[in-house]
């Protein structure tokens, strides 16, 4: 398996090489390692979702500044994933497609990895749901946090299929752009900055991330009826039909096409022309 030196900063065509290698390594891991890594990835994003809601609960109507603050702290989730090491479905969509286009893995390898990581992310997110629920963290600030959780889950389940899909495309375009820039950077501080701006942007804009929603909506479902807030659209069916399916599909398009395929097409093609 080819290796690249640890970079201070990589050029875009070198990022393609490193991304393809990373995608290859991710699919080559044993299934138990993929499951554990995916569990961690889902948990890290869920913890980031929890703190993003805590710092903005009880602050009155949603404001641009509040959205920015939520995005700023939510960026910690991708930092944990990229620096500590974990598998995230949304990121693997992009790294895997680059490895597939570079003929390093098969389509079957790619799809199996995505399915396993998706399920593992869900398990990891649900573990954090249990921590927040049974640890009664949701009672913070006279149950203001619990009300925020249910309100957010209700809003997400009230989206139309089209709106959820389009928001998800934009979300993973930004998330995978962050991953792409992390791959170009060799120092920890640079990786944190590379994570921060794209993730902050997607959260501030109210875009949709399927793994984050594995935390937000199940916890909202568990708290429905425990807090004084109406949530008529919040149900398991609406979670699956109005959010999980369109958001997952949109995330695949956003990361796979708008980052992985486009950058591969630009820089692999230019490299061939130079050759």
Protein backbone atom coordinates (compact mmCIF):
# COMPACT_ATOMS: atom_id res chain seq x y z
CA UNK A 1 0.00 0.00 0.00
CA UNK A 2 1.50 3.36 -1.02
CA UNK A 3 2.34 5.95 1.60
CA UNK A 4 2.58 9.71 1.56
CA UNK A 5 4.72 11.75 3.94
CA UNK A 6 2.95 13.68 6.68
CA UNK A 7 2.29 17.06 5.16
CA UNK A 8 2.75 20.60 6.37
CA UNK A 9 0.39 21.50 3.56
CA UNK A 10 -0.59 19.52 0.49
CA UNK A 11 -1.44 20.82 -2.94
CA UNK A 12 -4.93 19.93 -4.26
CA UNK A 13 -3.66 17.06 -6.44
CA UNK A 14 -1.76 15.66 -3.43
CA UNK A 15 -4.96 15.88 -1.40
CA UNK A 16 -6.56 13.56 -3.96
CA UNK A 17 -3.75 11.02 -3.43
CA UNK A 18 -4.03 11.15 0.35
CA UNK A 19 -7.83 11.02 0.29
CA UNK A 20 -7.79 7.95 -1.97
CA UNK A 21 -5.32 6.27 0.38
CA UNK A 22 -7.45 7.17 3.39
CA UNK A 23 -10.56 5.76 1.73
CA UNK A 24 -8.67 2.57 0.95
CA UNK A 25 -7.48 2.22 4.55
CA UNK A 26 -10.97 2.76 5.93
CA UNK A 27 -12.48 -0.05 3.87
CA UNK A 28 -9.55 -2.39 4.65
CA UNK A 29 -10.13 -2.32 8.43
CA UNK A 30 -11.65 -5.39 10.09
CA UNK A 31 -15.41 -5.18 10.65
CA UNK A 32 -15.06 -5.00 14.44
CA UNK A 33 -12.68 -2.05 14.10
CA UNK A 34 -15.09 -0.32 11.71
CA UNK A 35 -17.97 -0.86 14.13
CA UNK A 36 -16.05 0.55 17.09
CA UNK A 37 -14.69 3.46 15.07
CA UNK A 38 -18.17 4.23 13.75
CA UNK A 39 -19.62 4.03 17.25
CA UNK A 40 -17.10 6.65 18.39
CA UNK A 41 -17.88 8.85 15.40
CA UNK A 42 -21.60 8.84 16.15
CA UNK A 43 -20.96 9.55 19.83
CA UNK A 44 -18.60 12.46 19.12
CA UNK A 45 -21.12 14.13 16.82
CA UNK A 46 -23.88 13.54 19.38
CA UNK A 47 -21.84 15.13 22.16
CA UNK A 48 -21.23 18.11 19.87
CA UNK A 49 -24.96 18.32 19.19
CA UNK A 50 -25.69 18.21 22.91
CA UNK A 51 -23.39 21.10 23.78
CA UNK A 52 -24.58 23.14 20.79
CA UNK A 53 -28.12 22.99 22.15
CA UNK A 54 -27.10 23.60 25.75
CA UNK A 55 -25.27 26.86 24.99
CA UNK A 56 -28.26 28.26 23.08
CA UNK A 57 -31.21 27.03 25.16
CA UNK A 58 -33.32 29.53 27.05
CA UNK A 59 -32.00 32.49 25.05
CA UNK A 60 -35.33 33.46 23.47
CA UNK A 61 -35.96 33.59 19.71
CA UNK A 62 -33.28 32.13 17.44
CA UNK A 63 -30.83 34.79 16.24
CA UNK A 64 -27.97 34.80 13.78
CA UNK A 65 -25.52 35.23 16.63
CA UNK A 66 -27.07 32.28 18.44
CA UNK A 67 -26.80 30.12 15.32
CA UNK A 68 -23.15 31.12 14.95
CA UNK A 69 -22.46 30.20 18.57
CA UNK A 70 -24.17 26.84 18.15
CA UNK A 71 -22.12 26.15 15.03
CA UNK A 72 -18.90 27.21 16.71
CA UNK A 73 -19.25 24.65 19.49
CA UNK A 74 -20.73 21.97 17.23
CA UNK A 75 -17.51 22.06 15.21
CA UNK A 76 -15.91 20.22 18.14
CA UNK A 77 -17.53 17.01 16.87
CA UNK A 78 -15.58 16.95 13.61
CA UNK A 79 -12.43 17.94 15.51
CA UNK A 80 -12.83 14.86 17.72
CA UNK A 81 -13.42 12.64 14.69
CA UNK A 82 -10.50 13.92 12.63
CA UNK A 83 -7.87 14.26 15.37
CA UNK A 84 -8.71 11.46 17.83
CA UNK A 85 -9.72 9.18 14.95
CA UNK A 86 -13.18 7.81 14.19
CA UNK A 87 -15.39 6.87 11.25
CA UNK A 88 -18.24 9.13 10.22
CA UNK A 89 -20.72 8.13 7.51
CA UNK A 90 -20.76 11.60 5.97
CA UNK A 91 -16.98 11.75 5.69
CA UNK A 92 -16.64 8.16 4.45
CA UNK A 93 -19.01 8.99 1.60
CA UNK A 94 -16.36 11.34 0.24
CA UNK A 95 -13.15 9.45 1.04
CA UNK A 96 -14.65 6.20 -0.24
CA UNK A 97 -15.82 7.64 -3.56
CA UNK A 98 -12.35 9.06 -4.20
CA UNK A 99 -10.77 5.68 -3.44
CA UNK A 100 -13.31 4.00 -5.74
CA UNK A 101 -12.68 6.45 -8.59
CA UNK A 102 -8.95 5.85 -8.14
CA UNK A 103 -9.58 2.09 -8.48
CA UNK A 104 -8.25 1.34 -4.99
CA UNK A 105 -11.46 -0.32 -3.74
CA UNK A 106 -14.50 -2.00 -5.27
CA UNK A 107 -18.04 -0.65 -5.28
CA UNK A 108 -19.01 -3.52 -2.99
CA UNK A 109 -16.28 -2.60 -0.47
CA UNK A 110 -17.45 1.02 -0.55
CA UNK A 111 -21.12 0.25 0.02
CA UNK A 112 -20.50 -2.31 2.77
CA UNK A 113 -18.31 0.18 4.63
CA UNK A 114 -20.98 2.88 4.39
CA UNK A 115 -23.72 0.59 5.72
CA UNK A 116 -21.63 -0.62 8.66
CA UNK A 117 -20.48 2.89 9.58
CA UNK A 118 -24.02 4.29 9.28
CA UNK A 119 -25.38 1.69 11.70
CA UNK A 120 -22.43 2.12 14.06
CA UNK A 121 -22.86 5.92 14.02
CA UNK A 122 -26.50 5.39 15.00
CA UNK A 123 -25.50 3.16 17.92
CA UNK A 124 -22.94 5.70 19.11
CA UNK A 125 -25.45 8.55 18.88
CA UNK A 126 -28.04 6.52 20.83
CA UNK A 127 -25.53 5.89 23.61
CA UNK A 128 -25.19 9.64 24.05
CA UNK A 129 -28.99 9.98 23.87
CA UNK A 130 -29.11 7.60 26.84
CA UNK A 131 -26.51 9.61 28.74
CA UNK A 132 -28.38 12.89 28.25
CA UNK A 133 -31.79 11.34 28.99
CA UNK A 134 -31.07 9.04 31.92
CA UNK A 135 -28.47 11.40 33.37
CA UNK A 136 -31.23 14.05 33.33
CA UNK A 137 -28.92 16.51 31.58
CA UNK A 138 -32.00 17.63 29.65
CA UNK A 139 -33.39 19.22 32.83
CA UNK A 140 -30.72 21.94 32.62
CA UNK A 141 -31.95 25.49 33.25
CA UNK A 142 -35.43 24.52 34.47
CA UNK A 143 -35.91 22.10 31.54
CA UNK A 144 -35.07 24.82 28.99
CA UNK A 145 -32.68 22.36 27.37
CA UNK A 146 -35.39 19.69 27.15
CA UNK A 147 -37.76 22.15 25.50
CA UNK A 148 -35.04 23.12 23.01
CA UNK A 149 -34.38 19.46 22.17
CA UNK A 150 -38.06 18.72 21.47
CA UNK A 151 -38.56 21.93 19.49
CA UNK A 152 -35.56 21.21 17.27
CA UNK A 153 -36.63 17.61 16.69
CA UNK A 154 -40.15 18.78 15.82
CA UNK A 155 -38.81 21.30 13.29
CA UNK A 156 -36.62 18.68 11.64
CA UNK A 157 -39.52 16.23 11.30
CA UNK A 158 -41.74 18.93 9.81
CA UNK A 159 -39.50 19.50 6.79
CA UNK A 160 -40.67 18.40 3.36
CA UNK A 161 -38.67 15.67 1.62
CA UNK A 162 -37.29 18.20 -0.88
CA UNK A 163 -36.26 20.78 1.70
CA UNK A 164 -34.57 18.16 3.90
CA UNK A 165 -32.74 16.71 0.88
CA UNK A 166 -31.48 20.09 -0.38
CA UNK A 167 -30.36 21.19 3.08
CA UNK A 168 -28.50 17.90 3.44
CA UNK A 169 -26.68 18.41 0.14
CA UNK A 170 -25.38 21.76 1.37
CA UNK A 171 -24.48 20.33 4.77
CA UNK A 172 -22.23 17.52 3.60
CA UNK A 173 -20.71 19.64 0.86
CA UNK A 174 -19.39 21.82 3.70
CA UNK A 175 -18.54 18.97 6.10
CA UNK A 176 -16.54 17.11 3.45
CA UNK A 177 -14.85 20.34 2.42
CA UNK A 178 -13.67 20.51 6.02
CA UNK A 179 -12.44 16.90 5.85
CA UNK A 180 -10.72 17.67 2.54
CA UNK A 181 -8.85 20.61 4.10
CA UNK A 182 -7.93 18.58 7.20
CA UNK A 183 -6.31 16.03 4.91
CA UNK A 184 -4.17 18.83 3.46
CA UNK A 185 -2.93 19.91 6.88
CA UNK A 186 -0.24 18.28 9.01
CA UNK A 187 -0.51 20.13 12.33
CA UNK A 188 -3.23 19.91 14.97
CA UNK A 189 -4.00 23.64 15.07
CA UNK A 190 -4.45 23.72 11.30
CA UNK A 191 -6.78 20.72 11.43
CA UNK A 192 -8.94 22.38 14.07
CA UNK A 193 -9.28 25.51 11.94
CA UNK A 194 -10.04 23.41 8.85
CA UNK A 195 -12.90 21.75 10.77
CA UNK A 196 -14.22 24.94 12.32
CA UNK A 197 -15.34 27.15 9.47
CA UNK A 198 -17.26 24.65 7.28
CA UNK A 199 -19.05 23.07 10.26
CA UNK A 200 -19.87 26.42 11.82
CA UNK A 201 -21.30 27.51 8.48
CA UNK A 202 -23.58 24.50 8.00
CA UNK A 203 -24.98 24.70 11.52
CA UNK A 204 -25.48 28.47 11.38
CA UNK A 205 -27.36 28.06 8.09
CA UNK A 206 -29.63 25.36 9.56
CA UNK A 207 -28.54 22.60 7.16
CA UNK A 208 -29.13 18.90 7.83
CA UNK A 209 -26.62 16.23 8.92
CA UNK A 210 -27.87 12.66 9.12
CA UNK A 211 -25.57 11.59 11.96
CA UNK A 212 -26.34 14.66 14.08
CA UNK A 213 -30.03 13.93 13.57
CA UNK A 214 -29.47 10.41 14.95
CA UNK A 215 -29.02 12.25 18.24
CA UNK A 216 -31.38 15.23 17.94
CA UNK A 217 -34.53 13.40 16.88
CA UNK A 218 -34.43 10.20 18.98
CA UNK A 219 -33.80 12.29 22.09
CA UNK A 220 -36.68 14.56 21.10
CA UNK A 221 -38.90 11.50 20.73
CA UNK A 222 -37.93 10.29 24.20
CA UNK A 223 -38.64 13.70 25.75
CA UNK A 224 -41.92 14.30 23.94
CA UNK A 225 -44.60 14.48 26.61
CA UNK A 226 -42.06 15.21 29.35
CA UNK A 227 -41.76 18.91 28.55
CA UNK A 228 -44.44 21.54 28.09
CA UNK A 229 -44.18 22.00 24.34
CA UNK A 230 -46.40 20.88 21.48
CA UNK A 231 -44.79 18.55 18.94
CA UNK A 232 -47.54 17.13 16.69
CA UNK A 233 -45.16 16.29 13.83
CA UNK A 234 -42.59 14.49 15.95
CA UNK A 235 -42.94 10.73 15.48
CA UNK A 236 -40.83 7.74 14.48
CA UNK A 237 -42.51 7.69 11.06
CA UNK A 238 -41.82 11.36 10.39
CA UNK A 239 -38.22 10.85 11.55
CA UNK A 240 -37.68 8.14 8.96
CA UNK A 241 -39.71 9.55 6.06
CA UNK A 242 -39.29 13.32 6.46
CA UNK A 243 -35.74 13.36 7.73
CA UNK A 244 -33.57 10.24 7.89
CA UNK A 245 -34.12 9.12 4.28
CA UNK A 246 -33.91 12.48 2.48
CA UNK A 247 -31.08 13.75 4.67
CA UNK A 248 -29.01 10.60 4.19
CA UNK A 249 -29.50 10.79 0.41
CA UNK A 250 -28.70 14.50 0.36
CA UNK A 251 -25.55 13.98 2.43
CA UNK A 252 -24.39 11.34 -0.07
CA UNK A 253 -24.86 13.76 -2.95
CA UNK A 254 -23.24 16.69 -1.12
CA UNK A 255 -20.10 14.86 -0.05
CA UNK A 256 -19.81 12.30 -2.84
CA UNK A 257 -20.46 14.53 -5.83
CA UNK A 258 -19.75 18.14 -4.82
CA UNK A 259 -16.47 17.33 -3.06
CA UNK A 260 -15.21 13.83 -3.92
CA UNK A 261 -16.16 13.53 -7.58
CA UNK A 262 -15.58 17.16 -8.55
CA UNK A 263 -12.15 17.48 -6.95
CA UNK A 264 -11.13 14.07 -8.28
CA UNK A 265 -12.25 15.12 -11.75
CA UNK A 266 -10.36 18.41 -11.60
CA UNK A 267 -7.05 17.24 -10.20
CA UNK A 268 -6.77 13.68 -11.50
CA UNK A 269 -7.59 15.00 -14.97
CA UNK A 270 -5.05 17.83 -14.71
CA UNK A 271 -2.38 15.36 -13.51
CA UNK A 272 -3.02 13.13 -16.53
CA UNK A 273 -2.75 16.10 -18.85
CA UNK A 274 0.60 17.07 -17.28
CA UNK A 275 1.83 13.52 -17.74
